[in-house]
Protein backbone atom coordinates (compact mmCIF):
# COMPACT_ATOMS: atom_id res chain seq x y z
CA MET A 1 123.64 106.46 75.06
CA PRO A 2 124.49 105.30 78.61
CA THR A 3 121.62 103.66 80.46
CA GLU A 4 119.84 105.45 83.29
CA ARG A 5 120.97 102.61 85.57
CA ILE A 6 124.27 104.36 86.26
CA GLU A 7 122.31 106.75 88.48
CA SER A 8 121.92 103.86 90.91
CA LEU A 9 125.70 103.51 91.31
CA ASP A 10 127.24 105.00 94.43
CA THR A 11 129.56 107.99 94.00
CA THR A 12 132.71 106.04 94.81
CA ARG A 13 131.98 103.35 92.21
CA ILE A 14 131.19 105.91 89.52
CA ALA A 15 134.37 107.86 90.32
CA LYS A 16 136.47 104.70 90.00
CA ILE A 17 134.97 103.73 86.64
CA MET A 18 135.30 107.28 85.28
CA THR A 19 138.90 107.63 86.46
CA ILE A 20 139.98 104.34 84.89
CA ALA A 21 138.10 105.11 81.68
CA PHE A 22 139.71 108.55 81.44
CA GLU A 23 143.13 106.93 81.88
CA GLU A 24 142.52 104.31 79.19
CA PHE A 25 140.96 106.62 76.60
CA GLY A 26 143.66 109.19 77.32
CA ALA A 27 146.48 106.70 76.79
CA ALA A 28 145.37 105.53 73.34
CA SER A 29 143.03 106.43 70.50
CA TYR A 30 139.38 105.49 70.80
CA HIS A 31 139.63 102.54 68.44
CA LYS A 32 142.73 101.17 70.17
CA THR A 33 141.25 101.41 73.66
CA SER A 34 140.11 98.05 75.02
CA TYR A 35 136.73 97.92 76.74
CA ASN A 36 137.66 94.56 78.23
CA ARG A 37 140.76 96.09 79.81
CA ILE A 38 138.67 98.86 81.34
CA ILE A 39 136.27 96.28 82.77
CA GLN A 40 139.14 94.24 84.21
CA ARG A 41 140.73 97.28 85.82
CA CYS A 42 137.38 98.28 87.34
CA GLY A 43 137.26 94.89 89.05
CA CYS A 44 133.76 93.99 87.95
CA SER A 45 132.24 91.38 85.70
CA LYS A 46 131.38 92.03 82.07
CA GLY A 47 127.73 91.53 82.89
CA THR A 48 127.84 94.22 85.55
CA MET A 49 129.62 96.75 83.33
CA TYR A 50 127.32 96.07 80.37
CA TYR A 51 124.37 96.54 82.73
CA TYR A 52 125.46 100.16 83.22
CA PHE A 53 127.21 100.84 79.90
CA LYS A 54 126.07 98.70 76.98
CA SER A 55 129.21 99.41 74.96
CA LYS A 56 132.59 101.12 74.87
CA GLU A 57 130.97 103.93 72.92
CA ASP A 58 128.40 104.52 75.65
CA LEU A 59 131.12 104.80 78.27
CA PHE A 60 133.13 107.14 76.04
CA LEU A 61 130.11 109.38 75.43
CA THR A 62 129.53 109.57 79.19
CA LEU A 63 133.06 110.90 79.63
CA LEU A 64 132.62 113.26 76.70
CA LYS A 65 129.44 114.69 78.21
CA ALA A 66 131.25 115.39 81.48
CA VAL A 67 134.14 117.05 79.64
CA SER A 68 131.77 119.13 77.51
CA ARG A 69 130.23 120.58 80.66
CA GLU A 70 133.68 121.51 81.95
CA PHE A 71 134.72 123.24 78.72
CA GLY A 72 131.34 124.51 77.66
CA TYR A 73 132.68 128.06 77.63
CA LEU A 74 134.33 127.25 74.30
CA ASN A 75 130.88 126.89 72.74
CA ASN A 76 129.71 130.28 73.98
CA ALA A 77 129.46 133.15 71.54
CA GLN A 78 132.68 135.13 71.45
CA PRO A 79 132.75 138.92 70.98
CA MET A 80 133.66 139.93 67.43
CA PRO A 81 137.26 141.23 67.40
CA GLU A 82 137.49 144.69 65.91
CA ASP A 83 141.14 144.76 64.95
CA GLN A 84 144.25 142.60 64.67
CA ASN A 85 145.47 143.24 68.22
CA VAL A 86 142.12 142.29 69.73
CA PHE A 87 142.00 139.16 67.57
CA TRP A 88 145.42 137.85 68.61
CA LYS A 89 144.90 138.87 72.23
CA GLY A 90 141.69 136.80 72.23
CA VAL A 91 143.52 133.82 70.74
CA LYS A 92 146.18 133.92 73.44
CA THR A 93 143.68 134.44 76.27
CA THR A 94 141.54 131.49 75.17
CA LEU A 95 144.62 129.32 74.68
CA ARG A 96 146.02 130.15 78.11
CA ASP A 97 142.66 129.64 79.82
CA THR A 98 142.16 126.27 78.14
CA LEU A 99 145.66 124.97 78.94
CA MET A 100 145.44 126.11 82.56
CA ARG A 101 142.12 124.29 82.97
CA LEU A 102 143.68 121.19 81.47
CA LYS A 103 146.70 121.47 83.76
CA ALA A 104 144.37 121.42 86.77
CA LYS A 105 142.84 118.13 85.56
CA PRO A 106 145.53 115.84 84.08
CA LEU A 107 143.15 112.96 83.36
CA VAL A 108 140.80 115.22 81.44
CA ALA A 109 143.80 116.77 79.66
CA SER A 110 144.97 113.37 78.40
CA PHE A 111 141.45 112.50 77.28
CA ILE A 112 141.06 115.72 75.28
CA THR A 113 144.56 115.48 73.83
CA SER A 114 143.81 111.98 72.60
CA LEU A 115 140.39 113.06 71.31
CA LEU A 116 141.84 115.86 69.20
CA ALA A 117 144.78 113.85 67.85
CA ALA A 118 144.96 113.47 64.07
CA GLU A 119 144.15 109.74 64.09
CA ASN A 120 140.88 110.40 65.92
CA ARG A 121 139.67 113.04 63.51
CA ASN A 122 137.58 110.82 61.25
CA SER A 123 133.93 110.13 60.56
CA SER A 124 133.90 106.76 62.34
CA HIS A 125 134.79 108.32 65.70
CA PRO A 126 131.82 108.63 68.12
CA ALA A 127 132.77 112.27 68.76
CA SER A 128 133.04 113.18 65.06
CA SER A 129 130.05 115.55 65.22
CA LEU A 130 131.61 117.41 68.15
CA ILE A 131 134.98 117.60 66.41
CA MET A 132 133.22 118.92 63.30
CA ARG A 133 131.55 121.66 65.34
CA ILE A 134 134.92 122.62 66.85
CA ASP A 135 136.41 122.80 63.36
CA GLU A 136 133.52 124.95 62.14
CA LYS A 137 133.93 127.31 65.07
CA LEU A 138 137.67 127.52 64.41
CA GLU A 139 137.10 128.18 60.71
CA ASP A 140 134.61 130.95 61.49
CA TYR A 141 137.10 132.61 63.82
CA LEU A 142 139.89 132.37 61.26
CA ILE A 143 137.65 133.88 58.57
CA THR A 144 136.85 136.72 60.96
CA GLY A 145 140.61 137.17 61.37
CA GLN A 146 140.98 137.33 57.59
CA LEU A 147 138.28 139.98 57.30
CA ILE A 148 140.03 142.32 59.75
CA GLY A 149 143.48 141.66 58.31
CA ALA A 150 144.82 139.55 61.17
CA VAL A 151 145.02 136.21 59.32
CA ARG A 152 146.62 135.54 55.95
CA ARG A 153 144.29 135.20 52.98
CA ASP A 154 146.52 133.48 50.44
CA LEU A 155 145.70 129.94 51.61
CA PRO A 156 142.35 128.06 51.79
CA ILE A 157 140.63 128.09 55.16
CA GLU A 158 140.66 124.27 55.31
CA LEU A 159 144.46 124.31 55.10
CA LEU A 160 144.73 126.97 57.80
CA THR A 161 142.48 124.90 60.06
CA GLU A 162 144.62 121.80 59.53
CA LEU A 163 147.69 123.91 60.22
CA VAL A 164 146.30 124.97 63.60
CA TRP A 165 145.72 121.33 64.58
CA SER A 166 149.16 120.32 63.32
CA ILE A 167 150.74 122.97 65.53
CA TRP A 168 148.61 121.76 68.44
CA ASP A 169 149.74 118.16 67.89
CA THR A 170 153.39 119.18 67.52
CA VAL A 171 153.55 121.36 70.64
CA THR A 172 151.60 118.80 72.67
CA SER A 173 153.85 115.93 71.57
CA TRP A 174 156.98 117.98 72.25
CA SER A 175 155.84 119.09 75.71
CA GLN A 176 155.06 115.49 76.71
CA LYS A 177 158.43 114.05 75.72
CA GLU A 178 160.50 112.55 78.50
CA GLY A 179 163.05 115.02 79.77
CA VAL A 180 161.24 118.08 78.44
CA MET A 181 160.42 120.37 81.34
CA ILE A 182 158.41 123.44 80.37
CA SER A 183 155.88 125.59 82.17
CA GLU A 184 152.36 126.12 80.89
CA ASP A 185 153.30 129.72 80.13
CA SER A 186 156.16 128.48 77.94
CA ARG A 187 153.82 126.05 76.21
CA VAL A 188 151.33 128.84 75.53
CA ASP A 189 154.11 131.08 74.23
CA ALA A 190 155.45 128.36 71.93
CA PHE A 191 152.01 127.58 70.52
CA PHE A 192 151.11 131.25 70.15
CA ASP A 193 154.42 132.08 68.47
CA LEU A 194 154.03 129.29 65.92
CA LEU A 195 150.44 130.28 65.20
CA GLY A 196 151.50 133.85 64.60
CA ARG A 197 154.39 132.90 62.33
CA CYS A 198 152.22 130.58 60.22
CA LEU A 199 148.86 132.36 60.19
CA GLU A 200 149.41 136.06 60.71
CA GLN A 201 148.96 138.40 57.78
CA THR A 202 152.21 140.27 57.13
CA GLN A 203 153.55 142.76 54.62
CA ALA A 204 155.57 139.93 53.09
CA SER A 205 152.53 137.69 52.60
CA PRO A 206 151.55 136.85 49.00
CA LYS A 207 148.64 138.61 47.33
CA SER A 208 145.44 138.28 49.36
CA LEU A 209 142.46 136.31 48.16
CA ASP A 210 139.41 138.08 46.81
CA HIS A 211 137.25 136.14 49.28
CA PRO A 212 138.33 134.93 52.75
CA GLY A 213 138.73 131.19 52.97
CA GLN A 214 139.01 130.67 49.21
CA MET A 215 142.05 129.44 47.31
CA GLN A 216 143.46 132.05 44.97
CA GLU A 217 143.16 131.03 41.32
CA SER A 218 146.41 130.94 39.43
CA ASN A 219 146.77 133.03 36.28
CA GLU A 220 149.54 130.80 35.01
CA PRO A 221 148.73 128.53 32.04
């Protein structure tokens, strides 16, 4: 973890290092981000930077801790939805709240977008435990949706979870393309519409599973 020596840095110096680090980690995946480039941009020697942060991972975890405080509300216990309308209303409210918070802090938004990208979702990433907890929370919410009839039950929960992240990646990539001008409301609507089309339980859905989150066994030989 970061050394306690960073507490001796003045506010301006810390702000500069954090801003540059957010930019670099937000522009590329963790493994492709260069610690040397961050040091050069900060205008300090390697010895000085290593005095405060002994590695790229330490610096990254410092940023992650700051971001976790900002979005800690996502870890709070959510009220159990009682019906389909409440479930989907909660999804849209959380989505809108999250995207509006990100809009207010572009550097943080880029950092989180990069963190949640498919290439970062592996066991060798320093935030893998956090990503795993996010996935578990998402899976629990989807299973709750299955139990009240809001989410389809004909596909395994792991696939539904991956589908959510694929939609996130697709909408994020599309909204960031040069020449694409959309409001946050339009982004929320696009994401929410795709989630509903892919995940919502409908009359036309195949036969439900006996147990939420489980793959239905085929009776075919």
